[in-house]
Amino acid sequence: MSPDPSAVPPLLPSLPPNRALDQQLRRSLEVLRDQTDDAALRRRIDDVVAGRSSLRALARDGAFGAMMQPLVERGLQQLDELTPEQRRDAEAGAAAFERGETPGQEPEAGPTHGTW
């Protein structure tokens, strides 16, 4: 079970608050946790998700690095294989995510001055 997001400090405290980014990062860590057979690494990832350890400590962990290396290499290869149109779509999706939007989420409605 995931901790209450408001009770856990952000995983990237040096960046401006971005709840969508923090939630996505936590979900990504949970997916990685579920893909490893290393019980000690699963516990270290759980500690990060629960706020008991830092993302920096996990990034410096040799077992985590060994698990991530082939995934990063495959991701970079797939990035190189994108068509220009796919690359533009990916960049637009990344920009939307940085604004706090998530796939399938409508942007929050702004003020409707004069429409009431």
PDB file of N, CA and C in Angstrom:
ATOM      1  N   MET A   1       0.842  -1.186   0.000  1.00  0.00           N
ATOM      2  CA  MET A   1       0.000   0.000   0.000  1.00  0.00           C
ATOM      3  C   MET A   1       0.882   1.243   0.000  1.00  0.00           C
ATOM      4  N   SER A   2       0.561   2.195  -0.816  1.00  0.00           N
ATOM      5  CA  SER A   2       1.340   3.428  -0.916  1.00  0.00           C
ATOM      6  C   SER A   2       1.009   4.339   0.250  1.00  0.00           C
ATOM      7  N   PRO A   3       2.000   5.084   0.732  1.00  0.00           N
ATOM      8  CA  PRO A   3       1.750   6.016   1.826  1.00  0.00           C
ATOM      9  C   PRO A   3       0.896   7.189   1.364  1.00  0.00           C
ATOM     10  N   ASP A   4       0.304   7.880   2.338  1.00  0.00           N
ATOM     11  CA  ASP A   4      -0.462   9.089   2.053  1.00  0.00           C
ATOM     12  C   ASP A   4       0.503  10.118   1.464  1.00  0.00           C
ATOM     13  N   PRO A   5       0.269  10.557   0.203  1.00  0.00           N
ATOM     14  CA  PRO A   5       1.217  11.466  -0.452  1.00  0.00           C
ATOM     15  C   PRO A   5       1.475  12.751   0.326  1.00  0.00           C
ATOM     16  N   SER A   6       0.492  13.230   1.074  1.00  0.00           N
ATOM     17  CA  SER A   6       0.695  14.482   1.810  1.00  0.00           C
ATOM     18  C   SER A   6       1.575  14.286   3.040  1.00  0.00           C
ATOM     19  N   ALA A   7       1.753  13.029   3.486  1.00  0.00           N
ATOM     20  CA  ALA A   7       2.546  12.754   4.681  1.00  0.00           C
ATOM     21  C   ALA A   7       4.000  12.427   4.354  1.00  0.00           C
ATOM     22  N   VAL A   8       4.321  12.291   3.081  1.00  0.00           N
ATOM     23  CA  VAL A   8       5.664  11.884   2.671  1.00  0.00           C
ATOM     24  C   VAL A   8       6.315  13.037   1.920  1.00  0.00           C
ATOM     25  N   PRO A   9       7.572  13.350   2.258  1.00  0.00           N
ATOM     26  CA  PRO A   9       8.240  14.440   1.531  1.00  0.00           C
ATOM     27  C   PRO A   9       8.421  14.085   0.059  1.00  0.00           C
ATOM     28  N   PRO A  10       8.523  15.079  -0.812  1.00  0.00           N
ATOM     29  CA  PRO A  10       8.700  14.797  -2.241  1.00  0.00           C
ATOM     30  C   PRO A  10      10.010  14.062  -2.490  1.00  0.00           C
ATOM     31  N   LEU A  11      10.030  13.231  -3.519  1.00  0.00           N
ATOM     32  CA  LEU A  11      11.225  12.472  -3.863  1.00  0.00           C
ATOM     33  C   LEU A  11      12.323  13.375  -4.412  1.00  0.00           C
ATOM     34  N   LEU A  12      11.944  14.474  -5.035  1.00  0.00           N
ATOM     35  CA  LEU A  12      12.910  15.419  -5.604  1.00  0.00           C
ATOM     36  C   LEU A  12      12.701  16.786  -4.960  1.00  0.00           C
ATOM     37  N   PRO A  13      13.114  16.955  -3.690  1.00  0.00           N
ATOM     38  CA  PRO A  13      12.818  18.204  -2.975  1.00  0.00           C
ATOM     39  C   PRO A  13      13.526  19.431  -3.543  1.00  0.00           C
ATOM     40  N   SER A  14      14.543  19.235  -4.373  1.00  0.00           N
ATOM     41  CA  SER A  14      15.256  20.393  -4.920  1.00  0.00           C
ATOM     42  C   SER A  14      14.529  21.021  -6.110  1.00  0.00           C
ATOM     43  N   LEU A  15      13.507  20.328  -6.636  1.00  0.00           N
ATOM     44  CA  LEU A  15      12.735  20.865  -7.760  1.00  0.00           C
ATOM     45  C   LEU A  15      11.476  21.548  -7.254  1.00  0.00           C
ATOM     46  N   PRO A  16      10.899  22.453  -8.055  1.00  0.00           N
ATOM     47  CA  PRO A  16       9.633  23.058  -7.649  1.00  0.00           C
ATOM     48  C   PRO A  16       8.587  21.964  -7.438  1.00  0.00           C
ATOM     49  N   PRO A  17       7.681  22.158  -6.493  1.00  0.00           N
ATOM     50  CA  PRO A  17       6.664  21.141  -6.216  1.00  0.00           C
ATOM     51  C   PRO A  17       5.888  20.772  -7.489  1.00  0.00           C
ATOM     52  N   ASN A  18       5.757  19.486  -7.710  1.00  0.00           N
ATOM     53  CA  ASN A  18       5.014  18.987  -8.857  1.00  0.00           C
ATOM     54  C   ASN A  18       4.428  17.641  -8.448  1.00  0.00           C
ATOM     55  N   ARG A  19       3.213  17.674  -7.953  1.00  0.00           N
ATOM     56  CA  ARG A  19       2.567  16.475  -7.418  1.00  0.00           C
ATOM     57  C   ARG A  19       2.466  15.373  -8.472  1.00  0.00           C
ATOM     58  N   ALA A  20       2.159  15.729  -9.713  1.00  0.00           N
ATOM     59  CA  ALA A  20       2.035  14.716 -10.768  1.00  0.00           C
ATOM     60  C   ALA A  20       3.369  14.027 -11.009  1.00  0.00           C
ATOM     61  N   LEU A  21       4.445  14.796 -11.048  1.00  0.00           N
ATOM     62  CA  LEU A  21       5.770  14.222 -11.254  1.00  0.00           C
ATOM     63  C   LEU A  21       6.138  13.307 -10.094  1.00  0.00           C
ATOM     64  N   ASP A  22       5.881  13.741  -8.875  1.00  0.00           N
ATOM     65  CA  ASP A  22       6.208  12.935  -7.708  1.00  0.00           C
ATOM     66  C   ASP A  22       5.409  11.624  -7.718  1.00  0.00           C
ATOM     67  N   GLN A  23       4.136  11.684  -8.022  1.00  0.00           N
ATOM     68  CA  GLN A  23       3.316  10.468  -8.072  1.00  0.00           C
ATOM     69  C   GLN A  23       3.790   9.531  -9.170  1.00  0.00           C
ATOM     70  N   GLN A  24       4.126  10.065 -10.323  1.00  0.00           N
ATOM     71  CA  GLN A  24       4.609   9.229 -11.423  1.00  0.00           C
ATOM     72  C   GLN A  24       5.936   8.573 -11.060  1.00  0.00           C
ATOM     73  N   LEU A  25       6.814   9.312 -10.425  1.00  0.00           N
ATOM     74  CA  LEU A  25       8.099   8.770 -10.012  1.00  0.00           C
ATOM     75  C   LEU A  25       7.901   7.648  -8.994  1.00  0.00           C
ATOM     76  N   ARG A  26       6.996   7.841  -8.052  1.00  0.00           N
ATOM     77  CA  ARG A  26       6.702   6.784  -7.072  1.00  0.00           C
ATOM     78  C   ARG A  26       6.139   5.533  -7.760  1.00  0.00           C
ATOM     79  N   ARG A  27       5.216   5.728  -8.703  1.00  0.00           N
ATOM     80  CA  ARG A  27       4.658   4.572  -9.437  1.00  0.00           C
ATOM     81  C   ARG A  27       5.745   3.862 -10.228  1.00  0.00           C
ATOM     82  N   SER A  28       6.642   4.630 -10.824  1.00  0.00           N
ATOM     83  CA  SER A  28       7.736   4.027 -11.589  1.00  0.00           C
ATOM     84  C   SER A  28       8.644   3.206 -10.676  1.00  0.00           C
ATOM     85  N   LEU A  29       8.940   3.730  -9.505  1.00  0.00           N
ATOM     86  CA  LEU A  29       9.762   2.986  -8.555  1.00  0.00           C
ATOM     87  C   LEU A  29       9.061   1.704  -8.114  1.00  0.00           C
ATOM     88  N   GLU A  30       7.751   1.770  -7.930  1.00  0.00           N
ATOM     89  CA  GLU A  30       7.000   0.574  -7.542  1.00  0.00           C
ATOM     90  C   GLU A  30       7.045  -0.477  -8.641  1.00  0.00           C
ATOM     91  N   VAL A  31       6.978  -0.049  -9.900  1.00  0.00           N
ATOM     92  CA  VAL A  31       7.081  -0.990 -11.022  1.00  0.00           C
ATOM     93  C   VAL A  31       8.466  -1.636 -11.018  1.00  0.00           C
ATOM     94  N   LEU A  32       9.500  -0.823 -10.832  1.00  0.00           N
ATOM     95  CA  LEU A  32      10.863  -1.371 -10.791  1.00  0.00           C
ATOM     96  C   LEU A  32      11.017  -2.339  -9.621  1.00  0.00           C
ATOM     97  N   ARG A  33      10.471  -1.973  -8.481  1.00  0.00           N
ATOM     98  CA  ARG A  33      10.522  -2.853  -7.306  1.00  0.00           C
ATOM     99  C   ARG A  33       9.905  -4.213  -7.613  1.00  0.00           C
ATOM    100  N   ASP A  34       8.776  -4.178  -8.288  1.00  0.00           N
ATOM    101  CA  ASP A  34       8.057  -5.419  -8.586  1.00  0.00           C
ATOM    102  C   ASP A  34       8.769  -6.266  -9.634  1.00  0.00           C
ATOM    103  N   GLN A  35       9.713  -5.699 -10.364  1.00  0.00           N
ATOM    104  CA  GLN A  35      10.415  -6.437 -11.416  1.00  0.00           C
ATOM    105  C   GLN A  35      11.703  -7.094 -10.943  1.00  0.00           C
ATOM    106  N   THR A  36      12.125  -6.811  -9.709  1.00  0.00           N
ATOM    107  CA  THR A  36      13.384  -7.397  -9.248  1.00  0.00           C
ATOM    108  C   THR A  36      13.134  -8.579  -8.317  1.00  0.00           C
ATOM    109  N   ASP A  37      14.004  -9.566  -8.413  1.00  0.00           N
ATOM    110  CA  ASP A  37      13.949 -10.716  -7.509  1.00  0.00           C
ATOM    111  C   ASP A  37      14.808 -10.490  -6.271  1.00  0.00           C
ATOM    112  N   ASP A  38      15.539  -9.380  -6.215  1.00  0.00           N
ATOM    113  CA  ASP A  38      16.438  -9.062  -5.113  1.00  0.00           C
ATOM    114  C   ASP A  38      15.620  -8.473  -3.956  1.00  0.00           C
ATOM    115  N   ALA A  39      15.425  -9.268  -2.911  1.00  0.00           N
ATOM    116  CA  ALA A  39      14.594  -8.841  -1.778  1.00  0.00           C
ATOM    117  C   ALA A  39      15.169  -7.601  -1.094  1.00  0.00           C
ATOM    118  N   ALA A  40      16.489  -7.514  -0.975  1.00  0.00           N
ATOM    119  CA  ALA A  40      17.112  -6.357  -0.331  1.00  0.00           C
ATOM    120  C   ALA A  40      16.877  -5.089  -1.157  1.00  0.00           C
ATOM    121  N   LEU A  41      16.965  -5.204  -2.467  1.00  0.00           N
ATOM    122  CA  LEU A  41      16.718  -4.052  -3.341  1.00  0.00           C
ATOM    123  C   LEU A  41      15.251  -3.646  -3.263  1.00  0.00           C
ATOM    124  N   ARG A  42      14.350  -4.613  -3.214  1.00  0.00           N
ATOM    125  CA  ARG A  42      12.917  -4.279  -3.066  1.00  0.00           C
ATOM    126  C   ARG A  42      12.687  -3.475  -1.786  1.00  0.00           C
ATOM    127  N   ARG A  43      13.334  -3.876  -0.694  1.00  0.00           N
ATOM    128  CA  ARG A  43      13.184  -3.139   0.572  1.00  0.00           C
ATOM    129  C   ARG A  43      13.750  -1.723   0.452  1.00  0.00           C
ATOM    130  N   ARG A  44      14.892  -1.564  -0.223  1.00  0.00           N
ATOM    131  CA  ARG A  44      15.476  -0.225  -0.382  1.00  0.00           C
ATOM    132  C   ARG A  44      14.559   0.669  -1.219  1.00  0.00           C
ATOM    133  N   ILE A  45      13.965   0.104  -2.257  1.00  0.00           N
ATOM    134  CA  ILE A  45      13.025   0.895  -3.066  1.00  0.00           C
ATOM    135  C   ILE A  45      11.803   1.260  -2.236  1.00  0.00           C
ATOM    136  N   ASP A  46      11.279   0.310  -1.460  1.00  0.00           N
ATOM    137  CA  ASP A  46      10.144   0.603  -0.572  1.00  0.00           C
ATOM    138  C   ASP A  46      10.485   1.734   0.394  1.00  0.00           C
ATOM    139  N   ASP A  47      11.712   1.715   0.925  1.00  0.00           N
ATOM    140  CA  ASP A  47      12.127   2.771   1.852  1.00  0.00           C
ATOM    141  C   ASP A  47      12.103   4.138   1.178  1.00  0.00           C
ATOM    142  N   VAL A  48      12.482   4.206  -0.080  1.00  0.00           N
ATOM    143  CA  VAL A  48      12.457   5.480  -0.810  1.00  0.00           C
ATOM    144  C   VAL A  48      11.015   5.917  -1.035  1.00  0.00           C
ATOM    145  N   VAL A  49      10.174   5.012  -1.506  1.00  0.00           N
ATOM    146  CA  VAL A  49       8.775   5.355  -1.775  1.00  0.00           C
ATOM    147  C   VAL A  49       8.069   5.821  -0.497  1.00  0.00           C
ATOM    148  N   ALA A  50       8.416   5.204   0.637  1.00  0.00           N
ATOM    149  CA  ALA A  50       7.779   5.552   1.905  1.00  0.00           C
ATOM    150  C   ALA A  50       8.405   6.772   2.582  1.00  0.00           C
ATOM    151  N   GLY A  51       9.489   7.306   2.014  1.00  0.00           N
ATOM    152  CA  GLY A  51      10.115   8.486   2.582  1.00  0.00           C
ATOM    153  C   GLY A  51      11.126   8.195   3.682  1.00  0.00           C
ATOM    154  N   ARG A  52      11.508   6.927   3.843  1.00  0.00           N
ATOM    155  CA  ARG A  52      12.488   6.563   4.877  1.00  0.00           C
ATOM    156  C   ARG A  52      13.925   6.642   4.370  1.00  0.00           C
ATOM    157  N   SER A  53      14.098   6.782   3.068  1.00  0.00           N
ATOM    158  CA  SER A  53      15.415   6.896   2.452  1.00  0.00           C
ATOM    159  C   SER A  53      15.285   7.838   1.263  1.00  0.00           C
ATOM    160  N   SER A  54      16.425   8.226   0.741  1.00  0.00           N
ATOM    161  CA  SER A  54      16.401   9.210  -0.350  1.00  0.00           C
ATOM    162  C   SER A  54      16.577   8.545  -1.711  1.00  0.00           C
ATOM    163  N   LEU A  55      16.088   9.225  -2.705  1.00  0.00           N
ATOM    164  CA  LEU A  55      16.273   8.789  -4.084  1.00  0.00           C
ATOM    165  C   LEU A  55      17.764   8.815  -4.428  1.00  0.00           C
ATOM    166  N   ARG A  56      18.485   9.763  -3.875  1.00  0.00           N
ATOM    167  CA  ARG A  56      19.932   9.867  -4.109  1.00  0.00           C
ATOM    168  C   ARG A  56      20.644   8.608  -3.610  1.00  0.00           C
ATOM    169  N   ALA A  57      20.279   8.132  -2.414  1.00  0.00           N
ATOM    170  CA  ALA A  57      20.900   6.920  -1.866  1.00  0.00           C
ATOM    171  C   ALA A  57      20.600   5.723  -2.761  1.00  0.00           C
ATOM    172  N   LEU A  58      19.374   5.644  -3.259  1.00  0.00           N
ATOM    173  CA  LEU A  58      19.012   4.533  -4.139  1.00  0.00           C
ATOM    174  C   LEU A  58      19.786   4.609  -5.452  1.00  0.00           C
ATOM    175  N   ALA A  59      19.934   5.809  -5.994  1.00  0.00           N
ATOM    176  CA  ALA A  59      20.647   5.974  -7.263  1.00  0.00           C
ATOM    177  C   ALA A  59      22.117   5.571  -7.145  1.00  0.00           C
ATOM    178  N   ARG A  60      22.661   5.659  -5.946  1.00  0.00           N
ATOM    179  CA  ARG A  60      24.062   5.281  -5.727  1.00  0.00           C
ATOM    180  C   ARG A  60      24.227   3.807  -5.382  1.00  0.00           C
ATOM    181  N   ASP A  61      23.123   3.075  -5.264  1.00  0.00           N
ATOM    182  CA  ASP A  61      23.158   1.662  -4.894  1.00  0.00           C
ATOM    183  C   ASP A  61      23.597   0.819  -6.095  1.00  0.00           C
ATOM    184  N   GLY A  62      24.597  -0.004  -5.919  1.00  0.00           N
ATOM    185  CA  GLY A  62      25.122  -0.813  -7.018  1.00  0.00           C
ATOM    186  C   GLY A  62      24.106  -1.771  -7.605  1.00  0.00           C
ATOM    187  N   ALA A  63      23.281  -2.389  -6.763  1.00  0.00           N
ATOM    188  CA  ALA A  63      22.269  -3.322  -7.260  1.00  0.00           C
ATOM    189  C   ALA A  63      21.222  -2.583  -8.094  1.00  0.00           C
ATOM    190  N   PHE A  64      20.869  -1.367  -7.669  1.00  0.00           N
ATOM    191  CA  PHE A  64      19.906  -0.576  -8.441  1.00  0.00           C
ATOM    192  C   PHE A  64      20.511  -0.189  -9.783  1.00  0.00           C
ATOM    193  N   GLY A  65      21.776   0.227  -9.769  1.00  0.00           N
ATOM    194  CA  GLY A  65      22.455   0.585 -11.015  1.00  0.00           C
ATOM    195  C   GLY A  65      22.529  -0.584 -11.977  1.00  0.00           C
ATOM    196  N   ALA A  66      22.823  -1.764 -11.446  1.00  0.00           N
ATOM    197  CA  ALA A  66      22.906  -2.959 -12.302  1.00  0.00           C
ATOM    198  C   ALA A  66      21.552  -3.295 -12.901  1.00  0.00           C
ATOM    199  N   MET A  67      20.477  -3.081 -12.141  1.00  0.00           N
ATOM    200  CA  MET A  67      19.141  -3.344 -12.662  1.00  0.00           C
ATOM    201  C   MET A  67      18.760  -2.310 -13.729  1.00  0.00           C
ATOM    202  N   MET A  68      19.167  -1.057 -13.520  1.00  0.00           N
ATOM    203  CA  MET A  68      18.764   0.030 -14.408  1.00  0.00           C
ATOM    204  C   MET A  68      19.557   0.078 -15.711  1.00  0.00           C
ATOM    205  N   GLN A  69      20.805  -0.352 -15.709  1.00  0.00           N
ATOM    206  CA  GLN A  69      21.667  -0.196 -16.880  1.00  0.00           C
ATOM    207  C   GLN A  69      21.041  -0.750 -18.164  1.00  0.00           C
ATOM    208  N   PRO A  70      20.573  -2.004 -18.197  1.00  0.00           N
ATOM    209  CA  PRO A  70      19.994  -2.483 -19.456  1.00  0.00           C
ATOM    210  C   PRO A  70      18.698  -1.758 -19.833  1.00  0.00           C
ATOM    211  N   LEU A  71      17.946  -1.308 -18.834  1.00  0.00           N
ATOM    212  CA  LEU A  71      16.715  -0.572 -19.124  1.00  0.00           C
ATOM    213  C   LEU A  71      17.026   0.779 -19.758  1.00  0.00           C
ATOM    214  N   VAL A  72      18.035   1.460 -19.237  1.00  0.00           N
ATOM    215  CA  VAL A  72      18.437   2.758 -19.793  1.00  0.00           C
ATOM    216  C   VAL A  72      18.977   2.583 -21.203  1.00  0.00           C
ATOM    217  N   GLU A  73      19.805   1.570 -21.399  1.00  0.00           N
ATOM    218  CA  GLU A  73      20.358   1.329 -22.734  1.00  0.00           C
ATOM    219  C   GLU A  73      19.249   1.046 -23.744  1.00  0.00           C
ATOM    220  N   ARG A  74      18.272   0.251 -23.351  1.00  0.00           N
ATOM    221  CA  ARG A  74      17.152  -0.051 -24.255  1.00  0.00           C
ATOM    222  C   ARG A  74      16.337   1.208 -24.531  1.00  0.00           C
ATOM    223  N   GLY A  75      16.110   2.024 -23.503  1.00  0.00           N
ATOM    224  CA  GLY A  75      15.365   3.269 -23.692  1.00  0.00           C
ATOM    225  C   GLY A  75      16.071   4.234 -24.625  1.00  0.00           C
ATOM    226  N   LEU A  76      17.374   4.356 -24.482  1.00  0.00           N
ATOM    227  CA  LEU A  76      18.134   5.233 -25.375  1.00  0.00           C
ATOM    228  C   LEU A  76      18.096   4.726 -26.815  1.00  0.00           C
ATOM    229  N   GLN A  77      18.148   3.422 -26.993  1.00  0.00           N
ATOM    230  CA  GLN A  77      18.061   2.852 -28.333  1.00  0.00           C
ATOM    231  C   GLN A  77      16.693   3.152 -28.949  1.00  0.00           C
ATOM    232  N   GLN A  78      15.637   2.982 -28.157  1.00  0.00           N
ATOM    233  CA  GLN A  78      14.294   3.273 -28.664  1.00  0.00           C
ATOM    234  C   GLN A  78      14.146   4.754 -28.995  1.00  0.00           C
ATOM    235  N   LEU A  79      14.746   5.624 -28.207  1.00  0.00           N
ATOM    236  CA  LEU A  79      14.702   7.060 -28.478  1.00  0.00           C
ATOM    237  C   LEU A  79      15.369   7.370 -29.811  1.00  0.00           C
ATOM    238  N   ASP A  80      16.498   6.734 -30.079  1.00  0.00           N
ATOM    239  CA  ASP A  80      17.205   6.941 -31.345  1.00  0.00           C
ATOM    240  C   ASP A  80      16.388   6.480 -32.544  1.00  0.00           C
ATOM    241  N   GLU A  81      15.487   5.524 -32.337  1.00  0.00           N
ATOM    242  CA  GLU A  81      14.703   4.955 -33.424  1.00  0.00           C
ATOM    243  C   GLU A  81      13.398   5.714 -33.705  1.00  0.00           C
ATOM    244  N   LEU A  82      13.089   6.740 -32.909  1.00  0.00           N
ATOM    245  CA  LEU A  82      11.859   7.493 -33.129  1.00  0.00           C
ATOM    246  C   LEU A  82      11.915   8.284 -34.430  1.00  0.00           C
ATOM    247  N   THR A  83      10.783   8.368 -35.080  1.00  0.00           N
ATOM    248  CA  THR A  83      10.665   9.232 -36.252  1.00  0.00           C
ATOM    249  C   THR A  83      10.592  10.676 -35.752  1.00  0.00           C
ATOM    250  N   PRO A  84      10.826  11.659 -36.626  1.00  0.00           N
ATOM    251  CA  PRO A  84      10.700  13.058 -36.188  1.00  0.00           C
ATOM    252  C   PRO A  84       9.321  13.359 -35.590  1.00  0.00           C
ATOM    253  N   GLU A  85       8.270  12.793 -36.175  1.00  0.00           N
ATOM    254  CA  GLU A  85       6.920  13.033 -35.642  1.00  0.00           C
ATOM    255  C   GLU A  85       6.763  12.416 -34.251  1.00  0.00           C
ATOM    256  N   GLN A  86       7.253  11.205 -34.069  1.00  0.00           N
ATOM    257  CA  GLN A  86       7.177  10.570 -32.760  1.00  0.00           C
ATOM    258  C   GLN A  86       7.979  11.348 -31.722  1.00  0.00           C
ATOM    259  N   ARG A  87       9.117  11.882 -32.143  1.00  0.00           N
ATOM    260  CA  ARG A  87       9.951  12.666 -31.228  1.00  0.00           C
ATOM    261  C   ARG A  87       9.206  13.942 -30.816  1.00  0.00           C
ATOM    262  N   ARG A  88       8.537  14.618 -31.767  1.00  0.00           N
ATOM    263  CA  ARG A  88       7.755  15.821 -31.434  1.00  0.00           C
ATOM    264  C   ARG A  88       6.638  15.474 -30.461  1.00  0.00           C
ATOM    265  N   ASP A  89       5.939  14.355 -30.710  1.00  0.00           N
ATOM    266  CA  ASP A  89       4.859  13.931 -29.810  1.00  0.00           C
ATOM    267  C   ASP A  89       5.399  13.649 -28.405  1.00  0.00           C
ATOM    268  N   ALA A  90       6.549  12.999 -28.335  1.00  0.00           N
ATOM    269  CA  ALA A  90       7.156  12.694 -27.036  1.00  0.00           C
ATOM    270  C   ALA A  90       7.538  13.982 -26.316  1.00  0.00           C
ATOM    271  N   GLU A  91       8.086  14.931 -27.051  1.00  0.00           N
ATOM    272  CA  GLU A  91       8.468  16.205 -26.441  1.00  0.00           C
ATOM    273  C   GLU A  91       7.246  16.974 -25.955  1.00  0.00           C
ATOM    274  N   ALA A  92       6.154  16.926 -26.722  1.00  0.00           N
ATOM    275  CA  ALA A  92       4.915  17.586 -26.299  1.00  0.00           C
ATOM    276  C   ALA A  92       4.361  16.918 -25.046  1.00  0.00           C
ATOM    277  N   GLY A  93       4.429  15.593 -24.993  1.00  0.00           N
ATOM    278  CA  GLY A  93       3.972  14.874 -23.803  1.00  0.00           C
ATOM    279  C   GLY A  93       4.818  15.207 -22.589  1.00  0.00           C
ATOM    280  N   ALA A  94       6.118  15.313 -22.774  1.00  0.00           N
ATOM    281  CA  ALA A  94       7.013  15.660 -21.667  1.00  0.00           C
ATOM    282  C   ALA A  94       6.724  17.078 -21.175  1.00  0.00           C
ATOM    283  N   ALA A  95       6.471  18.000 -22.099  1.00  0.00           N
ATOM    284  CA  ALA A  95       6.167  19.376 -21.708  1.00  0.00           C
ATOM    285  C   ALA A  95       4.854  19.429 -20.929  1.00  0.00           C
ATOM    286  N   ALA A  96       3.849  18.660 -21.357  1.00  0.00           N
ATOM    287  CA  ALA A  96       2.579  18.620 -20.638  1.00  0.00           C
ATOM    288  C   ALA A  96       2.785  18.051 -19.237  1.00  0.00           C
ATOM    289  N   PHE A  97       3.601  17.026 -19.141  1.00  0.00           N
ATOM    290  CA  PHE A  97       3.866  16.413 -17.846  1.00  0.00           C
ATOM    291  C   PHE A  97       4.555  17.398 -16.914  1.00  0.00           C
ATOM    292  N   GLU A  98       5.483  18.184 -17.442  1.00  0.00           N
ATOM    293  CA  GLU A  98       6.170  19.188 -16.627  1.00  0.00           C
ATOM    294  C   GLU A  98       5.206  20.255 -16.118  1.00  0.00           C
ATOM    295  N   ARG A  99       4.127  20.471 -16.849  1.00  0.00           N
ATOM    296  CA  ARG A  99       3.104  21.425 -16.395  1.00  0.00           C
ATOM    297  C   ARG A  99       2.180  20.798 -15.367  1.00  0.00           C
ATOM    298  N   GLY A 100       2.403  19.515 -15.053  1.00  0.00           N
ATOM    299  CA  GLY A 100       1.569  18.837 -14.063  1.00  0.00           C
ATOM    300  C   GLY A 100       0.390  18.108 -14.654  1.00  0.00           C
ATOM    301  N   GLU A 101       0.322  18.039 -15.983  1.00  0.00           N
ATOM    302  CA  GLU A 101      -0.772  17.320 -16.632  1.00  0.00           C
ATOM    303  C   GLU A 101      -0.370  15.857 -16.785  1.00  0.00           C
ATOM    304  N   THR A 102      -1.351  14.983 -16.672  1.00  0.00           N
ATOM    305  CA  THR A 102      -1.094  13.566 -16.876  1.00  0.00           C
ATOM    306  C   THR A 102      -1.960  13.072 -18.022  1.00  0.00           C
ATOM    307  N   PRO A 103      -1.565  11.989 -18.676  1.00  0.00           N
ATOM    308  CA  PRO A 103      -2.352  11.496 -19.816  1.00  0.00           C
ATOM    309  C   PRO A 103      -3.813  11.264 -19.430  1.00  0.00           C
ATOM    310  N   GLY A 104      -4.698  11.730 -20.285  1.00  0.00           N
ATOM    311  CA  GLY A 104      -6.129  11.543 -20.061  1.00  0.00           C
ATOM    312  C   GLY A 104      -6.737  12.554 -19.101  1.00  0.00           C
ATOM    313  N   GLN A 105      -5.926  13.454 -18.582  1.00  0.00           N
ATOM    314  CA  GLN A 105      -6.406  14.451 -17.639  1.00  0.00           C
ATOM    315  C   GLN A 105      -6.663  15.753 -18.378  1.00  0.00           C
ATOM    316  N   GLU A 106      -7.839  16.310 -18.168  1.00  0.00           N
ATOM    317  CA  GLU A 106      -8.147  17.603 -18.746  1.00  0.00           C
ATOM    318  C   GLU A 106      -7.452  18.685 -17.935  1.00  0.00           C
ATOM    319  N   PRO A 107      -6.890  19.697 -18.580  1.00  0.00           N
ATOM    320  CA  PRO A 107      -6.297  20.799 -17.816  1.00  0.00           C
ATOM    321  C   PRO A 107      -7.365  21.456 -16.950  1.00  0.00           C
ATOM    322  N   GLU A 108      -6.938  21.944 -15.781  1.00  0.00           N
ATOM    323  CA  GLU A 108      -7.885  22.610 -14.900  1.00  0.00           C
ATOM    324  C   GLU A 108      -8.431  23.852 -15.586  1.00  0.00           C
ATOM    325  N   ALA A 109      -9.726  24.058 -15.423  1.00  0.00           N
ATOM    326  CA  ALA A 109     -10.361  25.228 -16.018  1.00  0.00           C
ATOM    327  C   ALA A 109      -9.927  26.472 -15.263  1.00  0.00           C
ATOM    328  N   GLY A 110      -9.600  27.482 -15.987  1.00  0.00           N
ATOM    329  CA  GLY A 110      -9.215  28.748 -15.382  1.00  0.00           C
ATOM    330  C   GLY A 110     -10.447  29.586 -15.092  1.00  0.00           C
ATOM    331  N   PRO A 111     -10.247  30.796 -14.706  1.00  0.00           N
ATOM    332  CA  PRO A 111     -11.377  31.678 -14.430  1.00  0.00           C
ATOM    333  C   PRO A 111     -12.234  31.867 -15.676  1.00  0.00           C
ATOM    334  N   THR A 112     -13.500  32.032 -15.467  1.00  0.00           N
ATOM    335  CA  THR A 112     -14.436  32.232 -16.581  1.00  0.00           C
ATOM    336  C   THR A 112     -15.040  33.630 -16.462  1.00  0.00           C
ATOM    337  N   HIS A 113     -14.186  34.611 -16.429  1.00  0.00           N
ATOM    338  CA  HIS A 113     -14.622  35.992 -16.229  1.00  0.00           C
ATOM    339  C   HIS A 113     -15.765  36.346 -17.177  1.00  0.00           C
ATOM    340  N   GLY A 114     -16.853  36.775 -16.581  1.00  0.00           N
ATOM    341  CA  GLY A 114     -17.962  37.276 -17.358  1.00  0.00           C
ATOM    342  C   GLY A 114     -18.869  36.207 -17.926  1.00  0.00           C
ATOM    343  N   THR A 115     -18.638  34.930 -17.579  1.00  0.00           N
ATOM    344  CA  THR A 115     -19.499  33.902 -18.142  1.00  0.00           C
ATOM    345  C   THR A 115     -20.572  33.454 -17.158  1.00  0.00           C
ATOM    346  N   TRP A 116     -20.635  34.055 -16.004  1.00  0.00           N
ATOM    347  CA  TRP A 116     -21.651  33.672 -15.032  1.00  0.00           C
ATOM    348  C   TRP A 116     -22.655  34.721 -14.988  1.00  0.00           C
TER     349      TRP A 116
END
